[in-house]
PDB file of N, CA and C in Angstrom:
ATOM      1  N   UNK A   1     202.455  83.969 136.778  1.00  0.00           N
ATOM      2  CA  UNK A   1     201.468  85.061 137.392  1.00  0.00           C
ATOM      3  C   UNK A   1     200.081  84.780 137.861  1.00  0.00           C
ATOM      4  N   UNK A   2     199.977  85.221 139.125  1.00  0.00           N
ATOM      5  CA  UNK A   2     198.790  84.621 139.950  1.00  0.00           C
ATOM      6  C   UNK A   2     197.503  85.492 139.251  1.00  0.00           C
ATOM      7  N   UNK A   3     196.176  85.114 139.066  1.00  0.00           N
ATOM      8  CA  UNK A   3     195.382  85.444 138.720  1.00  0.00           C
ATOM      9  C   UNK A   3     194.897  87.214 138.865  1.00  0.00           C
ATOM     10  N   UNK A   4     195.069  87.242 140.199  1.00  0.00           N
ATOM     11  CA  UNK A   4     195.049  88.638 140.912  1.00  0.00           C
ATOM     12  C   UNK A   4     195.888  89.635 140.297  1.00  0.00           C
ATOM     13  N   UNK A   5     196.786  89.314 139.853  1.00  0.00           N
ATOM     14  CA  UNK A   5     197.957  90.168 139.313  1.00  0.00           C
ATOM     15  C   UNK A   5     198.079  90.814 138.029  1.00  0.00           C
ATOM     16  N   UNK A   6     197.003  89.955 137.377  1.00  0.00           N
ATOM     17  CA  UNK A   6     196.431  90.246 135.922  1.00  0.00           C
ATOM     18  C   UNK A   6     195.898  91.513 135.716  1.00  0.00           C
ATOM     19  N   UNK A   7     195.968  92.316 134.828  1.00  0.00           N
ATOM     20  CA  UNK A   7     195.178  93.828 134.558  1.00  0.00           C
ATOM     21  C   UNK A   7     193.617  93.336 134.349  1.00  0.00           C
ATOM     22  N   UNK A   8     192.776  94.267 134.794  1.00  0.00           N
ATOM     23  CA  UNK A   8     191.421  93.828 134.806  1.00  0.00           C
ATOM     24  C   UNK A   8     190.900  93.576 133.158  1.00  0.00           C
ATOM     25  N   UNK A   9     191.694  94.352 131.943  1.00  0.00           N
ATOM     26  CA  UNK A   9     191.327  93.734 130.667  1.00  0.00           C
ATOM     27  C   UNK A   9     191.689  92.341 130.447  1.00  0.00           C
ATOM     28  N   UNK A  10     192.802  92.130 130.671  1.00  0.00           N
ATOM     29  CA  UNK A  10     193.403  90.620 130.308  1.00  0.00           C
ATOM     30  C   UNK A  10     192.220  89.756 131.097  1.00  0.00           C
ATOM     31  N   UNK A  11     191.578  89.683 132.237  1.00  0.00           N
ATOM     32  CA  UNK A  11     191.134  89.015 133.235  1.00  0.00           C
ATOM     33  C   UNK A  11     189.447  89.125 132.214  1.00  0.00           C
ATOM     34  N   UNK A  12     188.787  90.013 131.873  1.00  0.00           N
ATOM     35  CA  UNK A  12     187.836  90.044 130.990  1.00  0.00           C
ATOM     36  C   UNK A  12     187.948  89.386 129.545  1.00  0.00           C
ATOM     37  N   UNK A  13     189.205  89.651 128.772  1.00  0.00           N
ATOM     38  CA  UNK A  13     189.323  88.557 127.618  1.00  0.00           C
ATOM     39  C   UNK A  13     189.058  87.230 127.940  1.00  0.00           C
ATOM     40  N   UNK A  14     189.788  86.903 128.914  1.00  0.00           N
ATOM     41  CA  UNK A  14     189.914  85.506 129.293  1.00  0.00           C
ATOM     42  C   UNK A  14     188.522  84.924 129.716  1.00  0.00           C
ATOM     43  N   UNK A  15     187.502  86.033 130.492  1.00  0.00           N
ATOM     44  CA  UNK A  15     186.225  85.629 130.946  1.00  0.00           C
ATOM     45  C   UNK A  15     185.179  85.368 129.765  1.00  0.00           C
ATOM     46  N   UNK A  16     185.284  86.457 129.022  1.00  0.00           N
ATOM     47  CA  UNK A  16     184.413  86.456 127.781  1.00  0.00           C
ATOM     48  C   UNK A  16     184.788  85.490 126.661  1.00  0.00           C
ATOM     49  N   UNK A  17     185.839  84.994 126.470  1.00  0.00           N
ATOM     50  CA  UNK A  17     186.397  83.618 125.616  1.00  0.00           C
ATOM     51  C   UNK A  17     185.678  82.481 125.969  1.00  0.00           C
ATOM     52  N   UNK A  18     185.753  82.229 127.378  1.00  0.00           N
ATOM     53  CA  UNK A  18     185.065  80.905 128.193  1.00  0.00           C
ATOM     54  C   UNK A  18     183.757  81.323 128.321  1.00  0.00           C
ATOM     55  N   UNK A  19     183.158  82.321 128.597  1.00  0.00           N
ATOM     56  CA  UNK A  19     181.746  82.391 128.915  1.00  0.00           C
ATOM     57  C   UNK A  19     181.017  83.156 127.905  1.00  0.00           C
ATOM     58  N   UNK A  20     179.674  82.617 127.822  1.00  0.00           N
ATOM     59  CA  UNK A  20     178.884  83.208 126.780  1.00  0.00           C
ATOM     60  C   UNK A  20     177.622  84.012 127.878  1.00  0.00           C
ATOM     61  N   UNK A  21     177.578  85.482 127.866  1.00  0.00           N
ATOM     62  CA  UNK A  21     177.087  86.299 128.851  1.00  0.00           C
ATOM     63  C   UNK A  21     175.947  87.157 127.530  1.00  0.00           C
ATOM     64  N   UNK A  22     174.754  87.672 128.212  1.00  0.00           N
ATOM     65  CA  UNK A  22     174.219  88.844 127.292  1.00  0.00           C
ATOM     66  C   UNK A  22     174.839  90.051 127.423  1.00  0.00           C
ATOM     67  N   UNK A  23     174.256  91.167 126.629  1.00  0.00           N
ATOM     68  CA  UNK A  23     175.141  92.226 126.591  1.00  0.00           C
ATOM     69  C   UNK A  23     174.873  92.969 127.633  1.00  0.00           C
ATOM     70  N   UNK A  24     173.769  93.052 127.906  1.00  0.00           N
ATOM     71  CA  UNK A  24     173.406  94.010 129.325  1.00  0.00           C
ATOM     72  C   UNK A  24     174.412  93.333 130.557  1.00  0.00           C
ATOM     73  N   UNK A  25     174.322  91.927 130.579  1.00  0.00           N
ATOM     74  CA  UNK A  25     175.518  91.278 131.942  1.00  0.00           C
ATOM     75  C   UNK A  25     176.824  91.711 131.123  1.00  0.00           C
ATOM     76  N   UNK A  26     177.209  91.534 129.989  1.00  0.00           N
ATOM     77  CA  UNK A  26     178.475  92.054 129.570  1.00  0.00           C
ATOM     78  C   UNK A  26     179.102  93.499 130.253  1.00  0.00           C
ATOM     79  N   UNK A  27     178.239  94.267 129.775  1.00  0.00           N
ATOM     80  CA  UNK A  27     178.242  95.705 130.101  1.00  0.00           C
ATOM     81  C   UNK A  27     178.735  96.036 131.474  1.00  0.00           C
ATOM     82  N   UNK A  28     178.021  95.416 132.418  1.00  0.00           N
ATOM     83  CA  UNK A  28     178.414  95.296 133.849  1.00  0.00           C
ATOM     84  C   UNK A  28     179.662  94.866 134.124  1.00  0.00           C
ATOM     85  N   UNK A  29     179.573  93.635 134.109  1.00  0.00           N
ATOM     86  CA  UNK A  29     180.829  92.791 134.402  1.00  0.00           C
ATOM     87  C   UNK A  29     182.379  93.677 133.636  1.00  0.00           C
ATOM     88  N   UNK A  30     182.055  94.377 132.662  1.00  0.00           N
ATOM     89  CA  UNK A  30     182.991  95.107 132.135  1.00  0.00           C
ATOM     90  C   UNK A  30     183.238  96.597 133.103  1.00  0.00           C
ATOM     91  N   UNK A  31     182.052  97.115 133.262  1.00  0.00           N
ATOM     92  CA  UNK A  31     182.054  98.239 134.407  1.00  0.00           C
ATOM     93  C   UNK A  31     182.540  97.989 135.671  1.00  0.00           C
ATOM     94  N   UNK A  32     182.159  96.682 135.990  1.00  0.00           N
ATOM     95  CA  UNK A  32     182.430  96.326 137.499  1.00  0.00           C
ATOM     96  C   UNK A  32     183.993  95.857 137.614  1.00  0.00           C
ATOM     97  N   UNK A  33     184.625  95.105 136.766  1.00  0.00           N
ATOM     98  CA  UNK A  33     186.169  94.706 136.982  1.00  0.00           C
ATOM     99  C   UNK A  33     186.878  95.936 136.590  1.00  0.00           C
ATOM    100  N   UNK A  34     186.569  97.084 135.750  1.00  0.00           N
ATOM    101  CA  UNK A  34     187.222  98.121 135.555  1.00  0.00           C
ATOM    102  C   UNK A  34     187.235  98.974 136.536  1.00  0.00           C
ATOM    103  N   UNK A  35     186.058  99.363 137.257  1.00  0.00           N
ATOM    104  CA  UNK A  35     186.555  99.863 138.714  1.00  0.00           C
ATOM    105  C   UNK A  35     186.995  99.415 139.688  1.00  0.00           C
ATOM    106  N   UNK A  36     187.119  97.892 139.591  1.00  0.00           N
ATOM    107  CA  UNK A  36     187.569  97.329 140.575  1.00  0.00           C
ATOM    108  C   UNK A  36     189.376  97.575 140.544  1.00  0.00           C
ATOM    109  N   UNK A  37     189.648  97.246 139.065  1.00  0.00           N
ATOM    110  CA  UNK A  37     191.031  97.766 138.851  1.00  0.00           C
ATOM    111  C   UNK A  37     191.334  98.446 139.198  1.00  0.00           C
ATOM    112  N   UNK A  38     190.563  99.552 138.900  1.00  0.00           N
ATOM    113  CA  UNK A  38     190.897 101.321 139.193  1.00  0.00           C
ATOM    114  C   UNK A  38     191.077 101.833 140.444  1.00  0.00           C
ATOM    115  N   UNK A  39     190.206 100.953 141.084  1.00  0.00           N
ATOM    116  CA  UNK A  39     190.230 101.217 142.604  1.00  0.00           C
ATOM    117  C   UNK A  39     190.733 100.294 143.479  1.00  0.00           C
ATOM    118  N   UNK A  40     191.433  99.244 143.200  1.00  0.00           N
ATOM    119  CA  UNK A  40     191.579  98.262 143.899  1.00  0.00           C
ATOM    120  C   UNK A  40     192.286  98.459 145.571  1.00  0.00           C
ATOM    121  N   UNK A  41     193.091  99.230 145.610  1.00  0.00           N
ATOM    122  CA  UNK A  41     193.603  99.571 146.698  1.00  0.00           C
ATOM    123  C   UNK A  41     192.589 100.112 147.636  1.00  0.00           C
ATOM    124  N   UNK A  42     191.666 100.923 147.170  1.00  0.00           N
ATOM    125  CA  UNK A  42     190.842 101.617 148.241  1.00  0.00           C
ATOM    126  C   UNK A  42     189.456 100.537 148.529  1.00  0.00           C
ATOM    127  N   UNK A  43     189.466  99.739 147.639  1.00  0.00           N
ATOM    128  CA  UNK A  43     188.590  98.351 147.835  1.00  0.00           C
ATOM    129  C   UNK A  43     189.103  97.726 148.921  1.00  0.00           C
ATOM    130  N   UNK A  44     190.474  97.166 149.019  1.00  0.00           N
ATOM    131  CA  UNK A  44     191.207  96.712 149.773  1.00  0.00           C
ATOM    132  C   UNK A  44     191.195  97.292 150.938  1.00  0.00           C
ATOM    133  N   UNK A  45     191.364  98.096 151.015  1.00  0.00           N
ATOM    134  CA  UNK A  45     191.612  99.127 152.295  1.00  0.00           C
ATOM    135  C   UNK A  45     190.126  99.046 153.305  1.00  0.00           C
ATOM    136  N   UNK A  46     189.038  99.031 152.014  1.00  0.00           N
ATOM    137  CA  UNK A  46     187.688  99.271 152.940  1.00  0.00           C
ATOM    138  C   UNK A  46     187.333  98.114 153.597  1.00  0.00           C
ATOM    139  N   UNK A  47     187.720  96.862 152.974  1.00  0.00           N
ATOM    140  CA  UNK A  47     187.736  95.616 153.492  1.00  0.00           C
ATOM    141  C   UNK A  47     188.080  95.533 154.614  1.00  0.00           C
ATOM    142  N   UNK A  48     189.559  95.786 154.470  1.00  0.00           N
ATOM    143  CA  UNK A  48     190.116  95.910 155.900  1.00  0.00           C
ATOM    144  C   UNK A  48     189.714  96.280 157.231  1.00  0.00           C
ATOM    145  N   UNK A  49     188.976  97.619 156.807  1.00  0.00           N
ATOM    146  CA  UNK A  49     188.747  98.410 157.828  1.00  0.00           C
ATOM    147  C   UNK A  49     187.607  97.918 158.637  1.00  0.00           C
ATOM    148  N   UNK A  50     186.622  96.675 157.915  1.00  0.00           N
ATOM    149  CA  UNK A  50     185.651  96.045 158.942  1.00  0.00           C
ATOM    150  C   UNK A  50     186.189  94.818 158.929  1.00  0.00           C
ATOM    151  N   UNK A  51     187.493  94.439 159.315  1.00  0.00           N
ATOM    152  CA  UNK A  51     187.945  93.208 159.724  1.00  0.00           C
ATOM    153  C   UNK A  51     188.552  93.607 160.830  1.00  0.00           C
ATOM    154  N   UNK A  52     188.026  92.750 162.303  1.00  0.00           N
ATOM    155  CA  UNK A  52     188.556  92.590 163.332  1.00  0.00           C
ATOM    156  C   UNK A  52     189.459  91.782 163.686  1.00  0.00           C
ATOM    157  N   UNK A  53     190.732  92.236 163.843  1.00  0.00           N
ATOM    158  CA  UNK A  53     191.970  91.150 164.578  1.00  0.00           C
ATOM    159  C   UNK A  53     192.114  90.421 163.000  1.00  0.00           C
ATOM    160  N   UNK A  54     191.567  90.509 161.950  1.00  0.00           N
ATOM    161  CA  UNK A  54     191.941  89.727 160.891  1.00  0.00           C
ATOM    162  C   UNK A  54     192.440  90.563 159.292  1.00  0.00           C
ATOM    163  N   UNK A  55     193.325  90.138 158.946  1.00  0.00           N
ATOM    164  CA  UNK A  55     193.861  90.934 157.603  1.00  0.00           C
ATOM    165  C   UNK A  55     193.249  90.276 156.200  1.00  0.00           C
ATOM    166  N   UNK A  56     192.724  91.041 155.444  1.00  0.00           N
ATOM    167  CA  UNK A  56     192.452  90.715 154.116  1.00  0.00           C
ATOM    168  C   UNK A  56     193.123  89.438 153.645  1.00  0.00           C
ATOM    169  N   UNK A  57     194.351  89.359 153.836  1.00  0.00           N
ATOM    170  CA  UNK A  57     195.104  88.227 152.972  1.00  0.00           C
ATOM    171  C   UNK A  57     195.130  86.935 153.627  1.00  0.00           C
ATOM    172  N   UNK A  58     194.291  87.025 154.702  1.00  0.00           N
ATOM    173  CA  UNK A  58     194.215  85.652 155.415  1.00  0.00           C
ATOM    174  C   UNK A  58     192.748  85.039 155.128  1.00  0.00           C
ATOM    175  N   UNK A  59     191.973  85.818 154.870  1.00  0.00           N
ATOM    176  CA  UNK A  59     190.293  85.556 154.017  1.00  0.00           C
ATOM    177  C   UNK A  59     190.744  84.566 153.166  1.00  0.00           C
ATOM    178  N   UNK A  60     189.651  83.646 152.813  1.00  0.00           N
ATOM    179  CA  UNK A  60     189.818  82.669 151.687  1.00  0.00           C
ATOM    180  C   UNK A  60     189.588  83.283 150.605  1.00  0.00           C
ATOM    181  N   UNK A  61     190.318  83.023 149.672  1.00  0.00           N
ATOM    182  CA  UNK A  61     190.643  83.553 148.343  1.00  0.00           C
ATOM    183  C   UNK A  61     189.382  83.707 147.900  1.00  0.00           C
ATOM    184  N   UNK A  62     188.239  82.909 147.838  1.00  0.00           N
ATOM    185  CA  UNK A  62     186.942  83.239 146.934  1.00  0.00           C
ATOM    186  C   UNK A  62     186.178  84.177 147.964  1.00  0.00           C
ATOM    187  N   UNK A  63     186.421  84.118 149.356  1.00  0.00           N
ATOM    188  CA  UNK A  63     185.938  85.538 150.136  1.00  0.00           C
ATOM    189  C   UNK A  63     186.359  86.340 149.767  1.00  0.00           C
ATOM    190  N   UNK A  64     187.479  86.754 149.734  1.00  0.00           N
ATOM    191  CA  UNK A  64     188.058  87.913 149.322  1.00  0.00           C
ATOM    192  C   UNK A  64     187.701  88.431 147.832  1.00  0.00           C
ATOM    193  N   UNK A  65     187.391  87.679 146.785  1.00  0.00           N
ATOM    194  CA  UNK A  65     187.208  88.004 145.523  1.00  0.00           C
ATOM    195  C   UNK A  65     185.704  88.236 145.618  1.00  0.00           C
ATOM    196  N   UNK A  66     184.946  87.675 146.346  1.00  0.00           N
ATOM    197  CA  UNK A  66     183.535  88.365 146.585  1.00  0.00           C
ATOM    198  C   UNK A  66     183.229  89.279 147.319  1.00  0.00           C
ATOM    199  N   UNK A  67     184.002  89.527 148.530  1.00  0.00           N
ATOM    200  CA  UNK A  67     183.977  90.814 149.069  1.00  0.00           C
ATOM    201  C   UNK A  67     184.382  91.962 147.871  1.00  0.00           C
ATOM    202  N   UNK A  68     185.626  91.491 147.384  1.00  0.00           N
ATOM    203  CA  UNK A  68     186.283  92.689 146.498  1.00  0.00           C
ATOM    204  C   UNK A  68     185.147  93.415 145.257  1.00  0.00           C
ATOM    205  N   UNK A  69     184.770  92.400 144.619  1.00  0.00           N
ATOM    206  CA  UNK A  69     183.349  92.673 143.762  1.00  0.00           C
ATOM    207  C   UNK A  69     182.520  93.204 144.618  1.00  0.00           C
ATOM    208  N   UNK A  70     181.882  92.826 145.640  1.00  0.00           N
ATOM    209  CA  UNK A  70     180.655  93.425 146.455  1.00  0.00           C
ATOM    210  C   UNK A  70     180.688  94.523 146.537  1.00  0.00           C
ATOM    211  N   UNK A  71     182.283  95.042 147.158  1.00  0.00           N
ATOM    212  CA  UNK A  71     182.564  96.701 147.795  1.00  0.00           C
ATOM    213  C   UNK A  71     182.657  97.448 146.402  1.00  0.00           C
ATOM    214  N   UNK A  72     183.282  97.042 145.472  1.00  0.00           N
ATOM    215  CA  UNK A  72     183.535  97.947 144.455  1.00  0.00           C
ATOM    216  C   UNK A  72     182.255  98.237 143.813  1.00  0.00           C
ATOM    217  N   UNK A  73     181.307  96.918 143.795  1.00  0.00           N
ATOM    218  CA  UNK A  73     179.765  97.487 143.228  1.00  0.00           C
ATOM    219  C   UNK A  73     179.005  98.372 144.173  1.00  0.00           C
ATOM    220  N   UNK A  74     179.300  98.320 145.517  1.00  0.00           N
ATOM    221  CA  UNK A  74     178.852  99.160 146.474  1.00  0.00           C
ATOM    222  C   UNK A  74     179.203 100.763 146.394  1.00  0.00           C
ATOM    223  N   UNK A  75     180.421 100.794 146.421  1.00  0.00           N
ATOM    224  CA  UNK A  75     180.928 102.190 146.312  1.00  0.00           C
ATOM    225  C   UNK A  75     181.140 102.852 144.808  1.00  0.00           C
ATOM    226  N   UNK A  76     181.190 101.921 143.826  1.00  0.00           N
ATOM    227  CA  UNK A  76     181.288 102.752 142.459  1.00  0.00           C
ATOM    228  C   UNK A  76     180.321 102.533 141.459  1.00  0.00           C
ATOM    229  N   UNK A  77     179.379 101.705 141.790  1.00  0.00           N
ATOM    230  CA  UNK A  77     178.367 101.382 140.844  1.00  0.00           C
ATOM    231  C   UNK A  77     177.166 102.214 141.535  1.00  0.00           C
ATOM    232  N   UNK A  78     176.581 103.409 141.226  1.00  0.00           N
ATOM    233  CA  UNK A  78     175.521 103.838 142.246  1.00  0.00           C
ATOM    234  C   UNK A  78     174.173 103.548 141.373  1.00  0.00           C
ATOM    235  N   UNK A  79     173.940 102.899 140.294  1.00  0.00           N
ATOM    236  CA  UNK A  79     172.957 102.557 139.690  1.00  0.00           C
ATOM    237  C   UNK A  79     172.555 101.232 140.045  1.00  0.00           C
ATOM    238  N   UNK A  80     172.984 100.639 140.867  1.00  0.00           N
ATOM    239  CA  UNK A  80     172.521  99.292 141.078  1.00  0.00           C
ATOM    240  C   UNK A  80     171.921  99.524 142.996  1.00  0.00           C
ATOM    241  N   UNK A  81     171.135  99.453 143.027  1.00  0.00           N
ATOM    242  CA  UNK A  81     170.580  99.164 144.456  1.00  0.00           C
ATOM    243  C   UNK A  81     171.508  98.486 145.516  1.00  0.00           C
ATOM    244  N   UNK A  82     171.932  98.809 146.666  1.00  0.00           N
ATOM    245  CA  UNK A  82     172.845  98.043 147.485  1.00  0.00           C
ATOM    246  C   UNK A  82     172.075  97.142 148.076  1.00  0.00           C
ATOM    247  N   UNK A  83     170.833  96.559 148.055  1.00  0.00           N
ATOM    248  CA  UNK A  83     170.319  95.463 148.544  1.00  0.00           C
ATOM    249  C   UNK A  83     170.486  94.524 147.606  1.00  0.00           C
ATOM    250  N   UNK A  84     170.133  94.849 146.178  1.00  0.00           N
ATOM    251  CA  UNK A  84     170.329  93.914 145.318  1.00  0.00           C
ATOM    252  C   UNK A  84     171.735  93.496 145.260  1.00  0.00           C
ATOM    253  N   UNK A  85     173.087  94.650 145.098  1.00  0.00           N
ATOM    254  CA  UNK A  85     174.282  94.065 145.267  1.00  0.00           C
ATOM    255  C   UNK A  85     174.260  92.901 146.247  1.00  0.00           C
ATOM    256  N   UNK A  86     173.891  93.280 147.644  1.00  0.00           N
ATOM    257  CA  UNK A  86     174.278  92.464 149.087  1.00  0.00           C
ATOM    258  C   UNK A  86     173.743  91.197 148.704  1.00  0.00           C
ATOM    259  N   UNK A  87     172.562  91.051 148.264  1.00  0.00           N
ATOM    260  CA  UNK A  87     172.111  89.765 148.306  1.00  0.00           C
ATOM    261  C   UNK A  87     172.443  88.687 146.821  1.00  0.00           C
ATOM    262  N   UNK A  88     173.110  89.714 146.081  1.00  0.00           N
ATOM    263  CA  UNK A  88     173.786  88.661 144.692  1.00  0.00           C
ATOM    264  C   UNK A  88     175.048  88.140 145.338  1.00  0.00           C
ATOM    265  N   UNK A  89     175.783  89.009 146.364  1.00  0.00           N
ATOM    266  CA  UNK A  89     177.156  88.473 146.323  1.00  0.00           C
ATOM    267  C   UNK A  89     176.854  87.234 147.856  1.00  0.00           C
ATOM    268  N   UNK A  90     175.696  87.518 148.281  1.00  0.00           N
ATOM    269  CA  UNK A  90     175.742  86.759 149.512  1.00  0.00           C
ATOM    270  C   UNK A  90     175.392  84.996 149.153  1.00  0.00           C
ATOM    271  N   UNK A  91     174.421  85.279 147.659  1.00  0.00           N
ATOM    272  CA  UNK A  91     174.314  84.099 146.920  1.00  0.00           C
ATOM    273  C   UNK A  91     175.310  83.483 146.300  1.00  0.00           C
ATOM    274  N   UNK A  92     176.448  84.070 145.622  1.00  0.00           N
ATOM    275  CA  UNK A  92     177.372  84.032 145.233  1.00  0.00           C
ATOM    276  C   UNK A  92     177.983  83.040 146.452  1.00  0.00           C
ATOM    277  N   UNK A  93     178.557  83.687 147.904  1.00  0.00           N
ATOM    278  CA  UNK A  93     179.216  83.220 148.723  1.00  0.00           C
ATOM    279  C   UNK A  93     178.592  81.911 148.997  1.00  0.00           C
ATOM    280  N   UNK A  94     177.050  81.491 148.992  1.00  0.00           N
ATOM    281  CA  UNK A  94     176.488  80.672 149.535  1.00  0.00           C
ATOM    282  C   UNK A  94     176.748  79.319 148.783  1.00  0.00           C
ATOM    283  N   UNK A  95     176.819  79.620 147.338  1.00  0.00           N
ATOM    284  CA  UNK A  95     176.984  78.824 146.037  1.00  0.00           C
ATOM    285  C   UNK A  95     178.913  78.159 146.289  1.00  0.00           C
ATOM    286  N   UNK A  96     179.223  79.178 146.688  1.00  0.00           N
ATOM    287  CA  UNK A  96     181.144  78.811 146.220  1.00  0.00           C
ATOM    288  C   UNK A  96     181.750  79.061 147.553  1.00  0.00           C
ATOM    289  N   UNK A  97     181.435  79.388 148.543  1.00  0.00           N
ATOM    290  CA  UNK A  97     182.221  79.704 149.272  1.00  0.00           C
ATOM    291  C   UNK A  97     181.934  78.541 150.798  1.00  0.00           C
ATOM    292  N   UNK A  98     182.384  78.792 151.773  1.00  0.00           N
ATOM    293  CA  UNK A  98     182.205  77.843 153.112  1.00  0.00           C
ATOM    294  C   UNK A  98     180.654  78.169 153.833  1.00  0.00           C
ATOM    295  N   UNK A  99     180.359  77.400 154.746  1.00  0.00           N
ATOM    296  CA  UNK A  99     179.383  77.504 155.726  1.00  0.00           C
ATOM    297  C   UNK A  99     179.337  79.031 156.093  1.00  0.00           C
ATOM    298  N   UNK A 100     180.417  79.271 156.777  1.00  0.00           N
ATOM    299  CA  UNK A 100     180.359  80.564 157.340  1.00  0.00           C
ATOM    300  C   UNK A 100     180.645  81.812 156.181  1.00  0.00           C
ATOM    301  N   UNK A 101     180.883  81.985 154.710  1.00  0.00           N
ATOM    302  CA  UNK A 101     180.962  82.864 153.975  1.00  0.00           C
ATOM    303  C   UNK A 101     179.386  83.562 153.958  1.00  0.00           C
ATOM    304  N   UNK A 102     178.810  83.122 153.555  1.00  0.00           N
ATOM    305  CA  UNK A 102     177.291  84.253 153.634  1.00  0.00           C
ATOM    306  C   UNK A 102     177.083  84.978 154.843  1.00  0.00           C
ATOM    307  N   UNK A 103     177.137  84.410 156.003  1.00  0.00           N
ATOM    308  CA  UNK A 103     177.157  85.681 157.232  1.00  0.00           C
ATOM    309  C   UNK A 103     178.184  86.748 156.967  1.00  0.00           C
ATOM    310  N   UNK A 104     179.483  86.178 156.847  1.00  0.00           N
ATOM    311  CA  UNK A 104     180.593  87.170 156.388  1.00  0.00           C
ATOM    312  C   UNK A 104     180.416  88.178 155.720  1.00  0.00           C
ATOM    313  N   UNK A 105     180.288  87.718 154.279  1.00  0.00           N
ATOM    314  CA  UNK A 105     179.978  88.310 152.935  1.00  0.00           C
ATOM    315  C   UNK A 105     178.973  89.702 153.539  1.00  0.00           C
ATOM    316  N   UNK A 106     177.932  89.165 154.271  1.00  0.00           N
ATOM    317  CA  UNK A 106     176.717  89.793 154.596  1.00  0.00           C
ATOM    318  C   UNK A 106     177.125  90.994 155.897  1.00  0.00           C
ATOM    319  N   UNK A 107     177.717  90.401 156.724  1.00  0.00           N
ATOM    320  CA  UNK A 107     178.453  91.451 157.587  1.00  0.00           C
ATOM    321  C   UNK A 107     178.996  92.387 157.022  1.00  0.00           C
ATOM    322  N   UNK A 108     180.224  92.179 156.273  1.00  0.00           N
ATOM    323  CA  UNK A 108     180.971  93.367 155.905  1.00  0.00           C
ATOM    324  C   UNK A 108     180.282  94.002 154.799  1.00  0.00           C
ATOM    325  N   UNK A 109     179.251  93.577 153.709  1.00  0.00           N
ATOM    326  CA  UNK A 109     178.903  94.421 152.923  1.00  0.00           C
ATOM    327  C   UNK A 109     177.623  95.238 153.271  1.00  0.00           C
ATOM    328  N   UNK A 110     177.139  94.971 154.273  1.00  0.00           N
ATOM    329  CA  UNK A 110     176.260  95.741 154.801  1.00  0.00           C
ATOM    330  C   UNK A 110     176.766  96.750 155.770  1.00  0.00           C
ATOM    331  N   UNK A 111     178.030  96.566 156.496  1.00  0.00           N
ATOM    332  CA  UNK A 111     178.508  97.507 157.174  1.00  0.00           C
ATOM    333  C   UNK A 111     178.922  98.955 156.123  1.00  0.00           C
ATOM    334  N   UNK A 112     179.919  98.543 154.566  1.00  0.00           N
ATOM    335  CA  UNK A 112     180.030  99.096 153.652  1.00  0.00           C
ATOM    336  C   UNK A 112     178.977 100.119 153.200  1.00  0.00           C
ATOM    337  N   UNK A 113     177.808  99.217 153.196  1.00  0.00           N
ATOM    338  CA  UNK A 113     176.474 100.000 152.891  1.00  0.00           C
ATOM    339  C   UNK A 113     175.794 101.063 153.855  1.00  0.00           C
ATOM    340  N   UNK A 114     175.861 100.812 154.878  1.00  0.00           N
ATOM    341  CA  UNK A 114     175.646 101.658 156.012  1.00  0.00           C
ATOM    342  C   UNK A 114     176.686 102.589 156.066  1.00  0.00           C
ATOM    343  N   UNK A 115     177.775 102.700 155.950  1.00  0.00           N
ATOM    344  CA  UNK A 115     178.658 103.716 156.179  1.00  0.00           C
ATOM    345  C   UNK A 115     178.831 104.702 154.979  1.00  0.00           C
ATOM    346  N   UNK A 116     178.305 104.019 153.657  1.00  0.00           N
ATOM    347  CA  UNK A 116     178.178 104.730 152.393  1.00  0.00           C
ATOM    348  C   UNK A 116     176.957 105.595 152.722  1.00  0.00           C
ATOM    349  N   UNK A 117     175.747 105.177 152.959  1.00  0.00           N
ATOM    350  CA  UNK A 117     174.463 106.085 153.237  1.00  0.00           C
ATOM    351  C   UNK A 117     174.762 107.007 154.248  1.00  0.00           C
ATOM    352  N   UNK A 118     175.444 106.486 155.276  1.00  0.00           N
ATOM    353  CA  UNK A 118     175.956 107.797 156.485  1.00  0.00           C
ATOM    354  C   UNK A 118     176.387 108.814 155.971  1.00  0.00           C
ATOM    355  N   UNK A 119     177.706 108.573 155.073  1.00  0.00           N
ATOM    356  CA  UNK A 119     178.312 109.485 154.354  1.00  0.00           C
ATOM    357  C   UNK A 119     177.603 110.208 153.243  1.00  0.00           C
ATOM    358  N   UNK A 120     176.730 109.858 152.368  1.00  0.00           N
ATOM    359  CA  UNK A 120     175.785 110.560 151.568  1.00  0.00           C
ATOM    360  C   UNK A 120     174.765 111.136 152.214  1.00  0.00           C
ATOM    361  N   UNK A 121     174.602 110.914 153.666  1.00  0.00           N
ATOM    362  CA  UNK A 121     173.280 111.718 154.346  1.00  0.00           C
ATOM    363  C   UNK A 121     172.000 110.933 154.338  1.00  0.00           C
ATOM    364  N   UNK A 122     172.340 109.522 153.642  1.00  0.00           N
ATOM    365  CA  UNK A 122     170.593 109.219 153.397  1.00  0.00           C
ATOM    366  C   UNK A 122     170.540 108.682 154.685  1.00  0.00           C
ATOM    367  N   UNK A 123     168.803 108.330 154.683  1.00  0.00           N
ATOM    368  CA  UNK A 123     168.005 107.576 155.822  1.00  0.00           C
ATOM    369  C   UNK A 123     168.722 106.172 155.966  1.00  0.00           C
ATOM    370  N   UNK A 124     168.843 105.954 157.076  1.00  0.00           N
ATOM    371  CA  UNK A 124     169.014 104.367 157.641  1.00  0.00           C
ATOM    372  C   UNK A 124     167.919 103.184 157.037  1.00  0.00           C
ATOM    373  N   UNK A 125     168.387 102.421 156.569  1.00  0.00           N
ATOM    374  CA  UNK A 125     167.336 101.249 156.050  1.00  0.00           C
ATOM    375  C   UNK A 125     166.519 101.647 154.890  1.00  0.00           C
ATOM    376  N   UNK A 126     166.998 102.732 153.722  1.00  0.00           N
ATOM    377  CA  UNK A 126     166.378 102.790 152.277  1.00  0.00           C
ATOM    378  C   UNK A 126     166.946 102.050 151.521  1.00  0.00           C
ATOM    379  N   UNK A 127     167.760 101.624 151.411  1.00  0.00           N
ATOM    380  CA  UNK A 127     168.145  99.974 150.599  1.00  0.00           C
ATOM    381  C   UNK A 127     168.591  99.091 151.355  1.00  0.00           C
ATOM    382  N   UNK A 128     168.640  98.915 152.348  1.00  0.00           N
ATOM    383  CA  UNK A 128     169.386  97.807 153.466  1.00  0.00           C
ATOM    384  C   UNK A 128     168.784  96.479 153.098  1.00  0.00           C
ATOM    385  N   UNK A 129     169.437  95.740 153.732  1.00  0.00           N
ATOM    386  CA  UNK A 129     168.900  94.230 154.023  1.00  0.00           C
ATOM    387  C   UNK A 129     168.679  94.229 155.443  1.00  0.00           C
TER     388      UNK A 129
END
């Protein structure tokens, strides 16, 4: 079975077995993975809507994972400022992705942020990058 086919709870158990993280980060990780697990189809559809002439399946696996987590955080964890989310996932893509990953991740996540602010009726640039 492919890792992305495992239910979120199984992924969390394995993750926490191998990693020691503080309680606050543990709670955030659990919330994020549960939201992603619950809304994976919507997250993938959101990502696909920002890809021009490209399908999510063609993305580098790590870029797809980073985008899935970032989009889920932007859409479903309202207590985290969008700017913080975007910067964190750009940094992850810088550390683990290709040379093109940070710009690509920034572009997709910022587009999600802008559309989310527009949908919410908020002003442009409020929490943006």
